[in-house]
Amino acid sequence: MDFRLRVVNATTSPHKIRLQATTAEQARAEAEKRGFVVLSVNAAGLHIRRQAFPLLLFSQEMTVLLESGLLLTQALETLSQKEKSQEVRQVLVELVEGIRSGRPLSDVMTARPDCFPSLFIAMVRACETTGNLAEGLSRFAHYLEQVDVLKKRLIAASIYPALILSFGLLVMLFLLGYVVPRFSQIYQSRGTDLSAASEVLLIIGNTVDQYGPWLLAGFLLFIVALGMLFSRQKVRARLGEALTRLPVLGERIRIYHLSRFYRTFAMLLRSGIPVVSALAMVSQLLGATLKSHVDQARQQILDGNTFAQSMQMAELVTPVAVQLFRVGESAGNLDVMMERTAQFHEEEMMRWVDAFSKLVEPVLMALLGVVIGLIVFLMYLPIFELASGIG
């Protein structure tokens, strides 16, 4: 059977290889004999539908049960018995059966990449060697909670401006597609002389009224084309490069990616994963424009440079980060300094998001008010001119 494996070693970044084997375990063993660290194993040509597996809840509940003294299989059986979702229960049963057959938990999880990401599996594998699985699961749960904090803040800050913009666009479409054409009929029937601006507005309104369905279909096709275009990695990479070059927004996007990078890297280091392997694993969390910088940092470390120097030469640090990394290297607590750096930049990002949202909301409302007011003014301008002429 043909298997596709995502692997990494000390000299290469994560990539895929294909191997012939009877089972996924044999394919993994063959890849490890060749010196690779296996991140995931999939049967070639097999596309598994991604399950909504509650990884955060699973980590939290397993931590409580393991710290209470239950064996690993007992903890998994307990979770499967109380689970109401048939799909999630099936995953837990597969884990129990795999462990009872003599396989490590990390190897069993590898067969379900739709439920367990490669970072989680790597953390579990590292904790299995040290015997502190409960601590590792607790650490991963905390990591997921912290990573989601900034994402949720960004989403919450964008909801109100999105609602304002959507409502404003609906009002403008109503005016252009319904109200303006009615005014146009009145002015044409009376032969009213119109200003150039009013003429343009009425032409736009009549066009929207006459070709509205076609314009909507064209807009939807445009959105679909953009989605297909942005699905290509090269296009996303170029777009990322363009965004990171913007004066203010570009630097914030870079700090957002770096803060996630620092927090994930700290979690992997605390789990006992070597620096070079951890760098390869977290490269997928960075934007497409920063992945090449990770490869550069890994190569610098392999060449004998310190971690702080390598990160600085690869442009993966901020002025605050490089100083904290140097302190962490000299004190032997690099993982702690990485987490503190991530927290520092996440708090900085939250302050910026709060300030930006407070600024963009009134500006957006003012712009929509001006545009809608201009449309209404141009609709009534001929009436004002007629009234002034009569007076």
Protein backbone atom coordinates (compact mmCIF):
# COMPACT_ATOMS: atom_id res chain seq x y z
CA MET A 1 0.00 0.00 0.00
CA ASP A 2 1.21 3.49 -0.84
CA PHE A 3 1.54 5.96 2.06
CA ARG A 4 2.22 9.70 2.05
CA LEU A 5 4.26 10.89 5.04
CA ARG A 6 5.02 14.42 6.21
CA VAL A 7 8.53 14.29 7.66
CA VAL A 8 11.38 16.49 8.85
CA ASN A 9 14.99 16.02 9.91
CA ALA A 10 17.85 18.16 11.11
CA THR A 11 18.79 19.39 7.64
CA THR A 12 15.45 19.83 5.87
CA SER A 13 12.19 21.62 6.48
CA PRO A 14 8.88 19.69 6.67
CA HIS A 15 8.14 17.93 3.38
CA LYS A 16 6.26 14.90 2.07
CA ILE A 17 7.62 11.53 0.98
CA ARG A 18 5.90 8.41 -0.38
CA LEU A 19 6.63 4.89 0.87
CA GLN A 20 5.31 1.42 0.14
CA ALA A 21 4.24 -0.51 3.25
CA THR A 22 1.58 -2.89 4.52
CA THR A 23 0.44 -0.65 7.40
CA ALA A 24 0.90 2.92 8.53
CA GLU A 25 3.11 1.71 11.38
CA GLN A 26 5.49 0.02 8.97
CA ALA A 27 5.66 3.16 6.85
CA ARG A 28 6.47 5.20 9.95
CA ALA A 29 9.17 2.74 11.04
CA GLU A 30 10.78 2.80 7.59
CA ALA A 31 10.87 6.60 7.56
CA GLU A 32 12.39 6.70 11.06
CA LYS A 33 15.09 4.26 9.92
CA ARG A 34 16.01 6.79 7.24
CA GLY A 35 16.52 9.44 9.94
CA PHE A 36 13.25 11.32 9.62
CA VAL A 37 10.90 12.57 12.31
CA VAL A 38 7.41 11.64 11.10
CA LEU A 39 4.77 14.34 11.58
CA SER A 40 1.83 12.57 9.91
CA VAL A 41 1.01 9.43 7.90
CA ASN A 42 -1.80 9.15 5.36
CA ALA A 43 -2.72 6.53 2.81
CA ALA A 44 -2.06 8.02 -0.63
CA GLY A 45 -5.24 8.94 -2.43
CA LEU A 46 -7.32 8.68 0.76
CA HIS A 47 -9.08 11.91 1.70
CA ILE A 48 -10.51 11.83 5.20
CA ARG A 49 -13.23 14.31 6.10
CA ARG A 50 -12.06 16.50 8.90
CA GLN A 51 -13.87 15.79 12.17
CA ALA A 52 -14.92 18.42 14.66
CA PHE A 53 -12.80 16.92 17.41
CA PRO A 54 -12.76 19.06 20.60
CA LEU A 55 -9.00 19.07 21.11
CA LEU A 56 -9.03 21.72 23.84
CA LEU A 57 -11.71 19.94 25.87
CA PHE A 58 -9.98 16.60 25.33
CA SER A 59 -6.69 17.98 26.68
CA GLN A 60 -8.35 19.55 29.71
CA GLU A 61 -10.37 16.46 30.65
CA MET A 62 -7.45 14.08 30.11
CA THR A 63 -5.29 16.26 32.35
CA VAL A 64 -7.82 16.06 35.19
CA LEU A 65 -8.27 12.29 34.87
CA LEU A 66 -4.55 11.49 34.62
CA GLU A 67 -3.68 13.74 37.55
CA SER A 68 -6.39 11.92 39.55
CA GLY A 69 -4.45 8.68 39.21
CA LEU A 70 -6.30 6.94 36.37
CA LEU A 71 -4.35 4.93 33.84
CA LEU A 72 -4.24 6.17 30.27
CA THR A 73 -6.67 3.55 28.96
CA GLN A 74 -9.00 4.11 31.91
CA ALA A 75 -9.06 7.85 31.26
CA LEU A 76 -9.82 7.35 27.57
CA GLU A 77 -12.56 4.82 28.33
CA THR A 78 -14.11 7.25 30.81
CA LEU A 79 -14.22 9.99 28.18
CA SER A 80 -15.68 7.63 25.57
CA GLN A 81 -18.44 6.52 27.94
CA LYS A 82 -19.61 10.04 28.70
CA GLU A 83 -19.21 11.30 25.11
CA LYS A 84 -22.49 11.89 23.24
CA SER A 85 -21.05 12.46 19.77
CA GLN A 86 -20.71 9.19 17.88
CA GLU A 87 -17.77 10.49 15.81
CA VAL A 88 -15.79 11.66 18.82
CA ARG A 89 -16.57 8.44 20.71
CA GLN A 90 -15.27 6.40 17.78
CA VAL A 91 -11.97 8.30 17.86
CA LEU A 92 -11.58 7.63 21.59
CA VAL A 93 -12.36 3.94 21.10
CA GLU A 94 -9.69 3.75 18.40
CA LEU A 95 -7.18 5.27 20.81
CA VAL A 96 -8.01 2.71 23.51
CA GLU A 97 -7.78 -0.21 21.09
CA GLY A 98 -4.47 1.02 19.70
CA ILE A 99 -2.92 1.40 23.15
CA ARG A 100 -4.11 -2.06 24.22
CA SER A 101 -2.46 -3.54 21.13
CA GLY A 102 0.87 -2.27 22.44
CA ARG A 103 1.29 0.92 20.40
CA PRO A 104 2.20 4.30 21.91
CA LEU A 105 -0.53 6.90 22.08
CA SER A 106 1.31 9.19 19.66
CA ASP A 107 1.47 6.46 17.02
CA VAL A 108 -2.26 5.79 17.35
CA MET A 109 -3.00 9.50 16.99
CA THR A 110 -0.92 9.65 13.81
CA ALA A 111 -3.57 7.58 12.05
CA ARG A 112 -6.10 10.38 12.69
CA PRO A 113 -4.48 13.59 11.39
CA ASP A 114 -7.99 14.97 10.89
CA CYS A 115 -8.38 15.08 14.68
CA PHE A 116 -4.84 15.50 16.04
CA PRO A 117 -2.50 18.06 14.44
CA SER A 118 1.18 17.29 14.01
CA LEU A 119 2.18 19.72 16.78
CA PHE A 120 -0.06 17.93 19.27
CA ILE A 121 1.27 14.51 18.26
CA ALA A 122 4.86 15.73 18.57
CA MET A 123 4.13 17.06 22.05
CA VAL A 124 2.52 13.77 23.12
CA ARG A 125 5.46 11.78 21.74
CA ALA A 126 7.94 13.94 23.65
CA CYS A 127 5.92 13.60 26.88
CA GLU A 128 5.77 9.83 26.47
CA THR A 129 9.54 9.66 26.70
CA THR A 130 9.62 11.79 29.86
CA GLY A 131 6.52 10.28 31.47
CA ASN A 132 4.73 13.59 32.11
CA LEU A 133 1.79 13.29 29.72
CA ALA A 134 -0.65 15.02 32.07
CA GLU A 135 1.63 18.04 32.35
CA GLY A 136 2.09 18.15 28.60
CA LEU A 137 -1.66 18.01 27.95
CA SER A 138 -2.22 20.77 30.48
CA ARG A 139 0.44 22.86 28.77
CA PHE A 140 -1.13 22.30 25.36
CA ALA A 141 -4.58 23.24 26.65
CA HIS A 142 -3.17 26.46 28.07
CA TYR A 143 -1.44 27.11 24.76
CA LEU A 144 -4.70 26.73 22.80
CA GLU A 145 -6.48 29.10 25.18
CA GLN A 146 -3.79 31.75 24.88
CA VAL A 147 -3.55 31.50 21.10
CA ASP A 148 -7.33 31.96 20.78
CA VAL A 149 -7.38 35.09 22.96
CA LEU A 150 -5.86 37.39 20.35
CA LYS A 151 -7.81 35.79 17.50
CA LYS A 152 -11.10 36.28 19.37
CA ARG A 153 -10.19 39.89 20.14
CA LEU A 154 -9.52 40.54 16.45
CA ILE A 155 -12.82 38.95 15.44
CA ALA A 156 -14.76 40.87 18.10
CA ALA A 157 -13.16 44.15 17.04
CA SER A 158 -14.11 43.55 13.39
CA ILE A 159 -17.76 42.61 13.95
CA TYR A 160 -19.11 46.12 14.60
CA PRO A 161 -17.29 47.79 11.65
CA ALA A 162 -18.45 44.93 9.42
CA LEU A 163 -22.06 45.47 10.52
CA ILE A 164 -21.80 49.21 9.90
CA LEU A 165 -20.29 48.68 6.46
CA SER A 166 -22.87 46.05 5.51
CA PHE A 167 -25.79 48.22 6.63
CA GLY A 168 -24.38 51.23 4.79
CA LEU A 169 -23.94 49.25 1.57
CA LEU A 170 -27.50 47.95 1.80
CA VAL A 171 -28.81 51.50 2.22
CA MET A 172 -26.80 52.68 -0.80
CA LEU A 173 -28.03 49.76 -2.91
CA PHE A 174 -31.62 50.56 -1.92
CA LEU A 175 -31.18 54.20 -2.87
CA LEU A 176 -29.43 53.45 -6.17
CA GLY A 177 -31.59 50.51 -7.19
CA TYR A 178 -35.04 51.71 -6.08
CA VAL A 179 -35.26 55.38 -5.05
CA VAL A 180 -33.00 56.97 -7.68
CA PRO A 181 -34.74 55.31 -10.68
CA ARG A 182 -38.13 56.63 -9.44
CA PHE A 183 -36.73 60.15 -9.24
CA SER A 184 -35.28 59.67 -12.72
CA GLN A 185 -38.72 58.87 -14.14
CA ILE A 186 -40.19 61.98 -12.52
CA TYR A 187 -37.45 64.26 -13.88
CA GLN A 188 -37.64 62.75 -17.39
CA SER A 189 -41.43 63.12 -17.54
CA ARG A 190 -41.19 66.78 -16.55
CA GLY A 191 -38.16 67.58 -18.70
CA THR A 192 -36.26 68.97 -15.74
CA ASP A 193 -32.75 70.25 -16.41
CA LEU A 194 -30.24 68.38 -14.28
CA SER A 195 -26.73 69.17 -13.18
CA ALA A 196 -23.89 66.96 -14.38
CA ALA A 197 -23.53 65.29 -10.99
CA SER A 198 -27.24 64.50 -10.80
CA GLU A 199 -27.15 63.13 -14.35
CA VAL A 200 -24.33 60.74 -13.40
CA LEU A 201 -26.22 59.62 -10.30
CA LEU A 202 -29.40 58.92 -12.26
CA ILE A 203 -27.46 56.98 -14.91
CA ILE A 204 -25.93 54.82 -12.16
CA GLY A 205 -29.32 54.28 -10.56
CA ASN A 206 -30.95 53.28 -13.86
CA THR A 207 -28.08 50.90 -14.60
CA VAL A 208 -28.45 49.22 -11.21
CA ASP A 209 -32.22 49.00 -11.67
CA GLN A 210 -31.99 47.56 -15.20
CA TYR A 211 -29.02 45.23 -14.87
CA GLY A 212 -29.21 44.45 -11.15
CA PRO A 213 -29.31 40.62 -11.45
CA TRP A 214 -26.45 40.61 -13.94
CA LEU A 215 -24.38 42.92 -11.78
CA LEU A 216 -25.04 40.69 -8.75
CA ALA A 217 -24.04 37.58 -10.70
CA GLY A 218 -20.88 39.29 -11.90
CA PHE A 219 -20.04 40.34 -8.36
CA LEU A 220 -20.51 36.77 -7.09
CA LEU A 221 -18.32 35.42 -9.90
CA PHE A 222 -15.69 37.99 -9.00
CA ILE A 223 -15.74 36.82 -5.37
CA VAL A 224 -15.42 33.17 -6.45
CA ALA A 225 -12.52 34.04 -8.76
CA LEU A 226 -10.77 35.88 -5.94
CA GLY A 227 -11.26 32.87 -3.65
CA MET A 228 -9.74 30.53 -6.23
CA LEU A 229 -6.88 32.93 -6.79
CA PHE A 230 -6.08 33.30 -3.09
CA SER A 231 -6.20 29.52 -2.64
CA ARG A 232 -2.85 29.34 -4.44
CA GLN A 233 0.13 29.47 -2.15
CA LYS A 234 2.20 31.67 -4.47
CA VAL A 235 -0.55 34.27 -4.63
CA ARG A 236 -0.92 34.26 -0.83
CA ALA A 237 2.83 34.63 -0.48
CA ARG A 238 2.94 37.64 -2.77
CA LEU A 239 -0.07 39.18 -1.05
CA GLY A 240 1.58 38.61 2.31
CA GLU A 241 4.74 40.31 1.09
CA ALA A 242 2.70 43.27 -0.13
CA LEU A 243 0.83 43.58 3.17
CA THR A 244 3.98 43.36 5.29
CA ARG A 245 5.43 46.29 3.33
CA LEU A 246 2.62 48.61 4.38
CA PRO A 247 3.79 51.28 6.85
CA VAL A 248 1.64 50.39 9.89
CA LEU A 249 -0.50 47.36 9.09
CA GLY A 250 2.43 45.37 7.74
CA GLU A 251 4.36 45.55 10.98
CA ARG A 252 1.28 44.50 12.97
CA ILE A 253 0.72 41.47 10.74
CA ARG A 254 4.34 40.46 11.23
CA ILE A 255 4.11 40.82 15.02
CA TYR A 256 0.90 38.76 15.06
CA HIS A 257 2.60 35.87 13.25
CA LEU A 258 5.72 36.15 15.41
CA SER A 259 3.75 36.11 18.67
CA ARG A 260 2.05 32.85 17.65
CA PHE A 261 5.43 31.51 16.59
CA TYR A 262 7.04 32.35 19.97
CA ARG A 263 4.21 30.84 22.02
CA THR A 264 4.13 27.61 20.03
CA PHE A 265 7.89 27.32 20.09
CA ALA A 266 7.92 27.78 23.88
CA MET A 267 5.32 25.03 24.28
CA LEU A 268 7.39 22.60 22.19
CA LEU A 269 10.61 23.41 24.06
CA ARG A 270 8.91 22.76 27.40
CA SER A 271 7.76 19.40 26.05
CA GLY A 272 11.39 18.41 25.47
CA ILE A 273 11.54 18.79 21.68
CA PRO A 274 14.97 19.95 20.37
CA VAL A 275 15.32 23.47 19.01
CA VAL A 276 15.97 22.49 15.39
CA SER A 277 13.04 20.07 15.26
CA ALA A 278 10.75 22.59 16.97
CA LEU A 279 11.64 25.24 14.39
CA ALA A 280 10.64 22.89 11.60
CA MET A 281 7.33 22.09 13.25
CA VAL A 282 6.24 25.67 13.87
CA SER A 283 7.13 26.96 10.41
CA GLN A 284 3.60 26.10 9.25
CA LEU A 285 2.16 28.64 11.69
CA LEU A 286 3.93 31.55 10.06
CA GLY A 287 2.75 33.40 7.01
CA ALA A 288 4.01 32.16 3.67
CA THR A 289 6.46 35.08 3.53
CA LEU A 290 8.17 34.08 6.80
CA LYS A 291 8.63 30.34 6.22
CA SER A 292 11.86 30.89 4.32
CA HIS A 293 13.15 32.88 7.30
CA VAL A 294 12.60 29.84 9.54
CA ASP A 295 14.69 27.68 7.22
CA GLN A 296 17.39 30.32 7.36
CA ALA A 297 17.31 30.35 11.17
CA ARG A 298 17.56 26.55 11.32
CA GLN A 299 20.56 26.61 9.01
CA GLN A 300 22.27 29.29 11.10
CA ILE A 301 21.80 27.18 14.24
CA LEU A 302 23.21 24.12 12.47
CA ASP A 303 26.20 26.26 11.45
CA GLY A 304 26.99 26.88 15.13
CA ASN A 305 25.43 30.27 15.81
CA THR A 306 23.46 30.93 18.98
CA PHE A 307 19.68 30.90 18.91
CA ALA A 308 19.35 34.67 19.38
CA GLN A 309 21.92 35.37 16.66
CA SER A 310 20.25 32.95 14.26
CA MET A 311 16.81 34.44 14.84
CA GLN A 312 18.17 37.96 14.40
CA MET A 313 19.97 37.11 11.14
CA ALA A 314 16.77 35.46 9.87
CA GLU A 315 14.73 38.58 10.78
CA LEU A 316 12.41 36.64 13.10
CA VAL A 317 12.78 38.93 16.10
CA THR A 318 11.81 42.34 17.37
CA PRO A 319 14.17 44.52 19.47
CA VAL A 320 12.44 43.26 22.64
CA ALA A 321 12.50 39.63 21.54
CA VAL A 322 16.21 39.47 20.74
CA GLN A 323 17.15 40.84 24.16
CA LEU A 324 14.89 38.38 25.98
CA PHE A 325 16.21 35.48 23.91
CA ARG A 326 19.78 36.36 24.85
CA VAL A 327 18.82 36.41 28.52
CA GLY A 328 17.00 33.10 28.14
CA GLU A 329 20.00 31.44 26.50
CA SER A 330 22.41 32.61 29.17
CA ALA A 331 20.05 31.63 32.00
CA GLY A 332 19.00 28.32 30.46
CA ASN A 333 15.29 29.16 30.40
CA LEU A 334 14.72 29.97 26.74
CA ASP A 335 11.21 28.51 26.83
CA VAL A 336 10.19 30.90 29.60
CA MET A 337 11.58 33.91 27.74
CA MET A 338 9.87 32.82 24.53
CA GLU A 339 6.52 32.71 26.32
CA ARG A 340 7.12 36.09 27.96
CA THR A 341 8.00 37.55 24.57
CA ALA A 342 4.79 36.16 23.08
CA GLN A 343 2.75 37.60 25.95
CA PHE A 344 4.43 41.00 25.57
CA HIS A 345 3.63 41.22 21.86
CA GLU A 346 0.11 39.84 22.27
CA GLU A 347 -0.69 42.54 24.83
CA GLU A 348 0.83 45.10 22.49
CA MET A 349 -1.37 43.82 19.65
CA MET A 350 -4.49 43.95 21.82
CA ARG A 351 -3.82 47.58 22.74
CA TRP A 352 -3.33 48.40 19.07
CA VAL A 353 -6.53 46.57 18.07
CA ASP A 354 -8.52 48.45 20.72
CA ALA A 355 -7.13 51.81 19.60
CA PHE A 356 -7.65 50.99 15.92
CA SER A 357 -11.26 49.87 16.46
CA LYS A 358 -12.04 53.05 18.41
CA LEU A 359 -10.67 55.09 15.49
CA VAL A 360 -12.07 53.16 12.53
CA GLU A 361 -15.67 52.94 13.79
CA PRO A 362 -16.42 56.71 13.83
CA VAL A 363 -14.41 57.25 10.64
CA LEU A 364 -16.36 54.52 8.85
CA MET A 365 -19.68 55.90 10.06
CA ALA A 366 -18.68 59.39 8.93
CA LEU A 367 -17.68 58.17 5.45
CA LEU A 368 -20.91 56.22 4.99
CA GLY A 369 -22.90 59.22 6.20
CA VAL A 370 -21.16 61.48 3.70
CA VAL A 371 -21.73 59.07 0.79
CA ILE A 372 -25.40 58.44 1.62
CA GLY A 373 -25.96 62.15 2.26
CA LEU A 374 -24.37 63.00 -1.09
CA ILE A 375 -26.67 60.57 -2.91
CA VAL A 376 -29.75 62.08 -1.25
CA PHE A 377 -28.53 65.62 -1.94
CA LEU A 378 -27.95 64.91 -5.64
CA MET A 379 -31.42 63.35 -5.90
CA TYR A 380 -33.09 66.46 -4.49
CA LEU A 381 -30.76 69.02 -6.08
CA PRO A 382 -32.98 69.59 -9.15
CA ILE A 383 -35.93 70.23 -6.81
CA PHE A 384 -33.86 72.77 -4.87
CA GLU A 385 -32.82 74.48 -8.10
CA LEU A 386 -36.42 74.56 -9.32
CA ALA A 387 -37.61 76.01 -6.03
CA SER A 388 -34.93 78.70 -6.10
CA GLY A 389 -35.88 79.60 -9.68
CA ILE A 390 -39.53 79.99 -8.74
CA GLY A 391 -38.62 82.11 -5.76
